[in-house]
Amino acid sequence: MAKIKRIGILTSGGDSPALNAAIRGVGKTALGFYGMEIVGFRDGFRGLVEDRRLKLDKAALSGILTVGGTILGTSRDKPHRMLIDGRTRDMTEVIVENFKKNDLTALVCLGGGGTQKNALYLAKAGLNVITLPKTIDNDVVLTDSTFGFATALDIATDAIDRLHSTAHSHHRIVVAEIMGHRAGWLTLGAGIAGGADVILIPEIPYDVQKIADAIKRRSRHGTNFSIVAVAEGAMSIDDARAFKSAEGKRERARTLHDKKEAKNELAALEARHTGNTLRLARQLEDLTHLESRVTILGYVQRGGTPSPADRLLATRLGSACADLINEGVFGVMVAARGDRTEPVPLEKVAGKRKIVSPDHPWVETARRVGTCLGD
């Protein structure tokens, strides 16, 4: 009699819509179609270290498709740098031991860019690992989309739609800050779909005077309000130049002193960037003489019921993940490719980020409909 395969699953990094849908997709296919067993580890890699687990049977998977968040909990802990009893320790050996102790065939990790790196690290330690791409930022490479993005796009677009009426009524500039530290997919997509007049993303540093000029042109043509959609990681040309210089120093640093100095410079720039959206709103008010208001969407973009598109994507990826485990395919991320899925080696994914290129069709579309991108 063949040995029953046993799958471990965890969610890592920031929470995202459709995590539960993905867990369900893996679980129902593994249990019902292949006759496997599945166990969930709580709070990301920390749960695997501490062996805190939950049996995922049919009852546990029932009713979670439309539930936001993750029934397993999550954390940003890294296997090789985890705070244990006040000290940062490498817990890789403990994870390997618990993998074997629980008689796992494979470990499924649901997460974004950081999770892909951590999963590759564990694969190199000898574990059978497979990942699913999750993030509202949509910045995981080599997949058409990540689950969580579609829901966040709906939420951010709805917010911009609602801000139009109040901006119009009070003849104001309304600046809406949307999530996205290093990638502008969410802001760009929501800005286009919501008809924002200005869209600012991390990939295209902005000149505040050019933004003000675009808003004043609207006023001269009789439109005395503007919606500015800004990614939290968007920055001015001067700030972008300073960040690039500091990152270059960090890469070139060879001595401990130089590395520490470069790290401190980057930290100071990051601290200064906090509150950038509020500063931008004040600058625009001064330059245009129009009243400005700021709306920071924040964590509302991660919460609530996942959209049908995300539920469908997460279920497809989760089910395909169980197929790959049954076939003995490991060390891969399950990517969305058109209407199909495709296993992509983790080596090609880990440590990389999908960003908006200056000539991307979405950028070209925004420019052609008259949207100011700050440059």
Protein backbone atom coordinates (compact mmCIF):
# COMPACT_ATOMS: atom_id res chain seq x y z
CA MET A 1 0.00 0.00 0.00
CA ALA A 2 1.39 3.41 -1.02
CA LYS A 3 2.26 5.83 1.76
CA ILE A 4 -0.18 8.71 2.18
CA LYS A 5 1.43 12.02 1.30
CA ARG A 6 1.30 14.68 4.00
CA ILE A 7 1.48 18.38 3.14
CA GLY A 8 2.45 21.23 5.44
CA ILE A 9 1.20 24.74 4.58
CA LEU A 10 1.87 28.20 5.99
CA THR A 11 1.22 31.85 5.18
CA SER A 12 4.08 34.32 5.52
CA GLY A 13 4.62 38.08 5.20
CA GLY A 14 1.85 40.66 5.09
CA ASP A 15 -1.74 39.45 5.00
CA SER A 16 -3.60 39.63 1.70
CA PRO A 17 -7.06 38.91 0.32
CA ALA A 18 -7.63 35.32 -0.90
CA LEU A 19 -5.06 33.62 1.33
CA ASN A 20 -7.85 31.43 2.71
CA ALA A 21 -9.09 30.73 -0.81
CA ALA A 22 -5.59 29.49 -1.72
CA ILE A 23 -5.37 27.33 1.42
CA ARG A 24 -8.75 25.86 0.50
CA GLY A 25 -7.66 25.28 -3.12
CA VAL A 26 -4.60 23.31 -1.99
CA GLY A 27 -6.48 21.49 0.76
CA LYS A 28 -9.62 20.41 -1.06
CA THR A 29 -7.64 19.12 -4.06
CA ALA A 30 -5.10 17.36 -1.83
CA LEU A 31 -7.74 15.79 0.43
CA GLY A 32 -10.60 15.08 -1.95
CA PHE A 33 -8.86 14.35 -5.22
CA TYR A 34 -5.55 12.83 -4.15
CA GLY A 35 -6.32 11.44 -0.69
CA MET A 36 -3.45 13.33 0.94
CA GLU A 37 -3.32 14.78 4.45
CA ILE A 38 -2.70 18.46 5.13
CA VAL A 39 -1.55 20.32 8.22
CA GLY A 40 -1.33 24.08 8.66
CA PHE A 41 1.43 25.81 10.62
CA ARG A 42 0.40 28.93 12.53
CA ASP A 43 1.99 32.37 12.12
CA GLY A 44 4.32 31.67 9.24
CA PHE A 45 7.77 30.13 9.66
CA ARG A 46 7.64 30.76 13.42
CA GLY A 47 4.83 28.22 13.72
CA LEU A 48 6.97 25.67 11.93
CA VAL A 49 9.87 26.36 14.30
CA GLU A 50 7.62 26.06 17.36
CA ASP A 51 5.65 23.18 15.83
CA ARG A 52 2.32 24.93 16.34
CA ARG A 53 0.01 23.28 13.87
CA LEU A 54 -3.60 22.81 12.89
CA LYS A 55 -5.09 19.79 11.13
CA LEU A 56 -6.77 20.99 7.96
CA ASP A 57 -9.60 18.56 7.36
CA LYS A 58 -12.81 19.15 5.41
CA ALA A 59 -14.44 20.87 8.37
CA ALA A 60 -11.51 23.29 8.78
CA LEU A 61 -11.61 24.19 5.08
CA SER A 62 -15.37 24.66 4.98
CA GLY A 63 -16.66 28.22 4.71
CA ILE A 64 -13.28 29.98 4.34
CA LEU A 65 -13.42 30.80 0.61
CA THR A 66 -14.90 34.26 1.16
CA VAL A 67 -13.17 35.03 4.47
CA GLY A 68 -10.46 37.71 4.47
CA GLY A 69 -7.10 37.38 6.20
CA THR A 70 -5.67 33.93 6.92
CA ILE A 71 -7.00 31.25 9.27
CA LEU A 72 -3.39 30.24 9.95
CA GLY A 73 -2.11 33.68 10.98
CA THR A 74 1.07 35.14 9.53
CA SER A 75 4.37 36.77 10.47
CA ARG A 76 7.44 38.24 8.78
CA ASP A 77 9.90 35.92 10.57
CA LYS A 78 12.77 34.53 8.48
CA PRO A 79 13.94 30.93 9.04
CA HIS A 80 17.61 31.93 9.23
CA ARG A 81 17.12 35.18 11.22
CA MET A 82 14.44 34.69 13.85
CA LEU A 83 14.18 36.43 17.21
CA ILE A 84 14.14 33.71 19.87
CA ASP A 85 14.37 34.60 23.58
CA GLY A 86 15.75 38.03 22.77
CA ARG A 87 18.43 36.76 20.37
CA THR A 88 18.45 36.52 16.57
CA ARG A 89 19.10 32.91 15.65
CA ASP A 90 19.28 30.67 12.60
CA MET A 91 16.41 28.19 13.07
CA THR A 92 16.88 26.28 9.82
CA GLU A 93 17.93 23.06 11.56
CA VAL A 94 14.85 23.17 13.80
CA ILE A 95 12.61 23.62 10.75
CA VAL A 96 14.26 20.66 9.02
CA GLU A 97 13.76 18.56 12.17
CA ASN A 98 10.09 19.50 12.45
CA PHE A 99 9.56 18.84 8.75
CA LYS A 100 10.85 15.30 9.30
CA LYS A 101 9.07 14.86 12.66
CA ASN A 102 5.73 15.67 11.03
CA ASP A 103 6.51 13.26 8.20
CA LEU A 104 5.88 15.91 5.56
CA THR A 105 6.10 15.22 1.85
CA ALA A 106 6.17 18.92 1.02
CA LEU A 107 5.93 22.38 2.55
CA VAL A 108 3.68 24.92 0.78
CA CYS A 109 4.52 28.58 1.45
CA LEU A 110 2.04 31.31 0.53
CA GLY A 111 3.68 34.71 0.26
CA GLY A 112 5.32 37.54 -1.66
CA GLY A 113 8.91 38.35 -2.52
CA GLY A 114 10.36 37.73 0.93
CA THR A 115 8.60 34.37 1.21
CA GLN A 116 10.03 33.29 -2.15
CA LYS A 117 13.55 33.98 -0.83
CA ASN A 118 12.90 32.14 2.44
CA ALA A 119 11.41 29.18 0.57
CA LEU A 120 14.47 28.95 -1.68
CA TYR A 121 16.66 29.02 1.43
CA LEU A 122 14.76 26.02 2.83
CA ALA A 123 14.87 24.23 -0.53
CA LYS A 124 18.65 24.55 -0.47
CA ALA A 125 18.55 23.06 3.04
CA GLY A 126 17.01 19.94 1.51
CA LEU A 127 13.26 20.44 1.99
CA ASN A 128 10.61 19.80 -0.65
CA VAL A 129 9.16 23.31 -0.97
CA ILE A 130 6.58 24.85 -3.29
CA THR A 131 5.21 28.40 -3.18
CA LEU A 132 2.17 30.40 -4.28
CA PRO A 133 2.52 34.11 -5.21
CA LYS A 134 0.60 36.41 -2.86
CA THR A 135 0.75 40.19 -2.54
CA ILE A 136 -1.47 43.19 -3.19
CA ASP A 137 1.58 44.86 -4.80
CA ASN A 138 1.59 42.42 -7.76
CA ASP A 139 5.40 42.62 -7.81
CA VAL A 140 6.34 38.92 -7.84
CA VAL A 141 8.19 38.12 -11.07
CA LEU A 142 7.29 35.52 -13.71
CA THR A 143 3.59 35.29 -12.86
CA ASP A 144 0.85 37.16 -14.69
CA SER A 145 -0.65 38.22 -11.40
CA THR A 146 -0.54 37.59 -7.66
CA PHE A 147 -3.64 36.84 -5.65
CA GLY A 148 -4.67 39.76 -3.47
CA PHE A 149 -3.97 42.32 -6.19
CA ALA A 150 -7.41 42.26 -7.82
CA THR A 151 -9.22 42.85 -4.52
CA ALA A 152 -6.90 45.69 -3.50
CA LEU A 153 -7.35 47.20 -6.97
CA ASP A 154 -11.13 47.13 -6.50
CA ILE A 155 -10.84 48.78 -3.07
CA ALA A 156 -8.43 51.51 -4.17
CA THR A 157 -10.47 52.26 -7.31
CA ASP A 158 -13.67 52.48 -5.27
CA ALA A 159 -11.96 54.95 -2.92
CA ILE A 160 -10.88 57.16 -5.83
CA ASP A 161 -14.43 56.99 -7.24
CA ARG A 162 -15.81 58.23 -3.92
CA LEU A 163 -13.20 60.98 -3.58
CA HIS A 164 -14.22 62.48 -6.92
CA SER A 165 -17.53 63.75 -5.56
CA THR A 166 -16.08 65.45 -2.48
CA ALA A 167 -13.17 66.93 -4.46
CA HIS A 168 -15.63 68.33 -7.01
CA SER A 169 -17.99 69.70 -4.36
CA HIS A 170 -15.29 71.62 -2.48
CA HIS A 171 -13.04 72.52 -5.45
CA ARG A 172 -10.09 70.77 -3.80
CA ILE A 173 -7.04 68.76 -4.61
CA VAL A 174 -7.53 65.35 -2.99
CA VAL A 175 -4.37 63.29 -2.60
CA ALA A 176 -5.02 59.56 -2.13
CA GLU A 177 -2.10 57.49 -0.85
CA ILE A 178 -2.18 53.89 -2.06
CA MET A 179 0.04 51.01 -0.92
CA GLY A 180 3.20 50.15 -2.84
CA HIS A 181 6.71 50.84 -1.51
CA ARG A 182 8.76 49.72 -4.49
CA ALA A 183 6.23 48.89 -7.21
CA GLY A 184 3.45 51.06 -8.58
CA TRP A 185 1.08 48.49 -10.08
CA LEU A 186 -1.71 49.11 -7.57
CA THR A 187 -1.57 52.91 -7.78
CA LEU A 188 -1.24 52.92 -11.56
CA GLY A 189 -4.09 50.47 -12.06
CA ALA A 190 -6.44 52.17 -9.58
CA GLY A 191 -5.48 55.61 -10.87
CA ILE A 192 -6.36 54.71 -14.45
CA ALA A 193 -9.54 52.83 -13.49
CA GLY A 194 -10.64 55.62 -11.14
CA GLY A 195 -9.83 58.46 -13.52
CA ALA A 196 -7.18 60.11 -11.33
CA ASP A 197 -5.77 63.30 -12.83
CA VAL A 198 -2.27 62.68 -11.48
CA ILE A 199 -0.67 59.28 -10.81
CA LEU A 200 2.67 59.06 -8.98
CA ILE A 201 4.53 55.75 -8.70
CA PRO A 202 7.96 54.71 -7.34
CA GLU A 203 9.30 53.88 -10.80
CA ILE A 204 8.80 57.41 -12.16
CA PRO A 205 10.27 60.11 -9.86
CA TYR A 206 8.22 63.30 -9.95
CA ASP A 207 8.77 67.03 -10.23
CA VAL A 208 6.24 68.76 -7.96
CA GLN A 209 6.23 71.87 -10.15
CA LYS A 210 5.12 69.81 -13.16
CA ILE A 211 2.28 68.34 -11.09
CA ALA A 212 1.22 71.82 -10.00
CA ASP A 213 1.37 73.05 -13.61
CA ALA A 214 -0.91 70.19 -14.72
CA ILE A 215 -3.42 71.02 -11.97
CA LYS A 216 -3.36 74.72 -12.86
CA ARG A 217 -4.01 73.86 -16.53
CA ARG A 218 -7.11 72.01 -15.42
CA SER A 219 -8.22 75.08 -13.47
CA ARG A 220 -7.71 77.37 -16.47
CA HIS A 221 -9.94 75.06 -18.50
CA GLY A 222 -12.71 75.28 -15.91
CA THR A 223 -12.01 72.18 -13.81
CA ASN A 224 -11.26 73.39 -10.30
CA PHE A 225 -10.55 70.08 -8.59
CA SER A 226 -8.00 67.29 -9.07
CA ILE A 227 -7.45 63.76 -7.80
CA VAL A 228 -3.84 62.75 -7.16
CA ALA A 229 -3.21 59.01 -6.70
CA VAL A 230 0.21 58.54 -5.08
CA ALA A 231 1.98 55.32 -4.15
CA GLU A 232 3.46 55.35 -0.65
CA GLY A 233 6.89 54.75 -2.22
CA ALA A 234 6.65 57.52 -4.83
CA MET A 235 9.31 60.19 -4.45
CA SER A 236 10.58 63.38 -5.99
CA ILE A 237 13.46 63.43 -8.44
CA ASP A 238 15.80 64.82 -5.75
CA ASP A 239 14.79 62.18 -3.19
CA ALA A 240 15.13 59.40 -5.74
CA ARG A 241 18.63 60.62 -6.58
CA ALA A 242 19.57 60.63 -2.87
CA PHE A 243 18.21 57.08 -2.39
CA LYS A 244 20.09 55.82 -5.43
CA SER A 245 23.31 57.35 -4.14
CA ALA A 246 22.87 55.81 -0.69
CA GLU A 247 22.05 52.39 -2.13
CA GLY A 248 25.16 52.63 -4.32
CA LYS A 249 27.28 53.36 -1.25
CA ARG A 250 25.82 50.31 0.49
CA GLU A 251 26.61 48.07 -2.48
CA ARG A 252 30.18 49.40 -2.73
CA ALA A 253 30.85 49.27 1.02
CA ARG A 254 33.59 46.82 1.97
CA THR A 255 34.45 47.68 5.59
CA LEU A 256 32.11 47.31 8.56
CA HIS A 257 32.33 51.05 9.15
CA ASP A 258 31.33 51.89 5.56
CA LYS A 259 28.46 49.38 5.64
CA LYS A 260 27.13 50.84 8.89
CA GLU A 261 27.43 54.38 7.56
CA ALA A 262 25.56 53.51 4.36
CA LYS A 263 22.89 51.69 6.34
CA ASN A 264 22.40 54.71 8.61
CA GLU A 265 22.15 57.04 5.62
CA LEU A 266 19.44 54.85 4.06
CA ALA A 267 17.58 54.66 7.38
CA ALA A 268 17.65 58.46 7.67
CA LEU A 269 16.26 58.81 4.14
CA GLU A 270 13.52 56.26 4.89
CA ALA A 271 12.58 58.16 8.05
CA ARG A 272 12.47 61.41 6.11
CA HIS A 273 10.24 59.83 3.47
CA THR A 274 7.63 59.05 6.13
CA GLY A 275 4.94 61.65 5.75
CA ASN A 276 5.93 62.41 2.16
CA THR A 277 2.30 62.40 0.98
CA LEU A 278 1.38 65.07 3.52
CA ARG A 279 4.33 67.20 2.42
CA LEU A 280 3.34 66.77 -1.20
CA ALA A 281 -0.20 67.96 -0.46
CA ARG A 282 1.15 71.08 1.28
CA GLN A 283 3.50 71.79 -1.62
CA LEU A 284 0.67 71.51 -4.14
CA GLU A 285 -1.53 73.79 -2.04
CA ASP A 286 1.22 76.43 -1.95
CA LEU A 287 1.92 76.19 -5.68
CA THR A 288 -1.69 76.06 -6.94
CA HIS A 289 -3.53 78.06 -4.23
CA LEU A 290 -6.13 75.29 -4.15
CA GLU A 291 -7.10 73.68 -0.85
CA SER A 292 -5.72 70.15 -0.52
CA ARG A 293 -6.79 67.14 1.53
CA VAL A 294 -5.08 63.77 2.07
CA THR A 295 -6.67 60.33 2.30
CA ILE A 296 -4.37 57.46 3.27
CA LEU A 297 -6.06 54.17 2.42
CA GLY A 298 -3.60 52.05 4.39
CA TYR A 299 -4.57 48.59 5.58
CA VAL A 300 -8.15 48.80 4.35
CA GLN A 301 -6.66 47.68 1.02
CA ARG A 302 -5.70 44.31 2.51
CA GLY A 303 -8.94 43.52 4.29
CA GLY A 304 -12.44 42.25 3.67
CA THR A 305 -13.95 39.69 1.35
CA PRO A 306 -11.69 38.79 -1.59
CA SER A 307 -13.00 39.60 -5.05
CA PRO A 308 -14.28 36.84 -7.36
CA ALA A 309 -11.19 37.32 -9.56
CA ASP A 310 -8.87 36.72 -6.60
CA ARG A 311 -10.85 33.74 -5.35
CA LEU A 312 -10.68 32.19 -8.80
CA LEU A 313 -6.93 32.82 -9.16
CA ALA A 314 -6.12 31.56 -5.65
CA THR A 315 -8.21 28.42 -6.15
CA ARG A 316 -6.58 27.71 -9.51
CA LEU A 317 -3.06 28.15 -8.12
CA GLY A 318 -3.84 26.13 -4.99
CA SER A 319 -5.30 23.23 -6.94
CA ALA A 320 -2.34 23.24 -9.35
CA CYS A 321 -0.01 23.20 -6.35
CA ALA A 322 -1.57 19.92 -5.15
CA ASP A 323 -1.16 18.51 -8.68
CA LEU A 324 2.57 19.34 -8.65
CA ILE A 325 3.05 17.76 -5.22
CA ASN A 326 1.38 14.60 -6.48
CA GLU A 327 3.78 14.63 -9.44
CA GLY A 328 6.80 15.14 -7.16
CA VAL A 329 7.66 18.61 -8.53
CA PHE A 330 9.31 20.81 -5.88
CA GLY A 331 11.53 23.87 -5.61
CA VAL A 332 9.09 25.90 -7.70
CA MET A 333 6.54 28.69 -7.50
CA VAL A 334 3.14 28.05 -9.09
CA ALA A 335 2.73 30.92 -11.55
CA ALA A 336 -0.37 32.13 -13.36
CA ARG A 337 0.11 32.02 -17.12
CA GLY A 338 -2.99 33.03 -19.08
CA ASP A 339 -5.75 30.58 -18.21
CA ARG A 340 -3.19 28.00 -17.14
CA THR A 341 -0.54 27.62 -14.45
CA GLU A 342 3.16 26.94 -14.74
CA PRO A 343 5.85 25.83 -12.26
CA VAL A 344 8.73 28.35 -12.19
CA PRO A 345 12.02 27.47 -10.45
CA LEU A 346 12.45 29.44 -7.23
CA GLU A 347 15.96 30.43 -8.32
CA LYS A 348 14.36 32.53 -11.07
CA VAL A 349 11.95 34.23 -8.67
CA ALA A 350 13.75 34.81 -5.35
CA GLY A 351 15.40 38.19 -4.89
CA LYS A 352 13.73 39.74 -7.93
CA ARG A 353 10.91 42.30 -8.19
CA LYS A 354 8.47 42.99 -11.00
CA ILE A 355 8.28 46.75 -11.39
CA VAL A 356 6.45 49.04 -13.81
CA SER A 357 8.65 49.80 -16.82
CA PRO A 358 8.50 53.36 -18.23
CA ASP A 359 7.14 52.03 -21.54
CA HIS A 360 4.58 49.62 -20.04
CA PRO A 361 1.21 49.71 -21.86
CA TRP A 362 -0.53 50.95 -18.68
CA VAL A 363 1.88 53.90 -18.54
CA GLU A 364 1.30 54.67 -22.22
CA THR A 365 -2.46 54.47 -21.71
CA ALA A 366 -2.30 56.88 -18.76
CA ARG A 367 -0.30 59.39 -20.78
CA ARG A 368 -2.61 59.18 -23.79
CA VAL A 369 -5.73 59.92 -21.76
CA GLY A 370 -4.01 63.01 -20.38
CA THR A 371 -2.95 61.79 -16.94
CA CYS A 372 0.04 63.57 -15.40
CA LEU A 373 2.71 61.16 -14.15
CA GLY A 374 4.81 63.86 -12.54
CA ASP A 375 7.61 63.81 -15.07
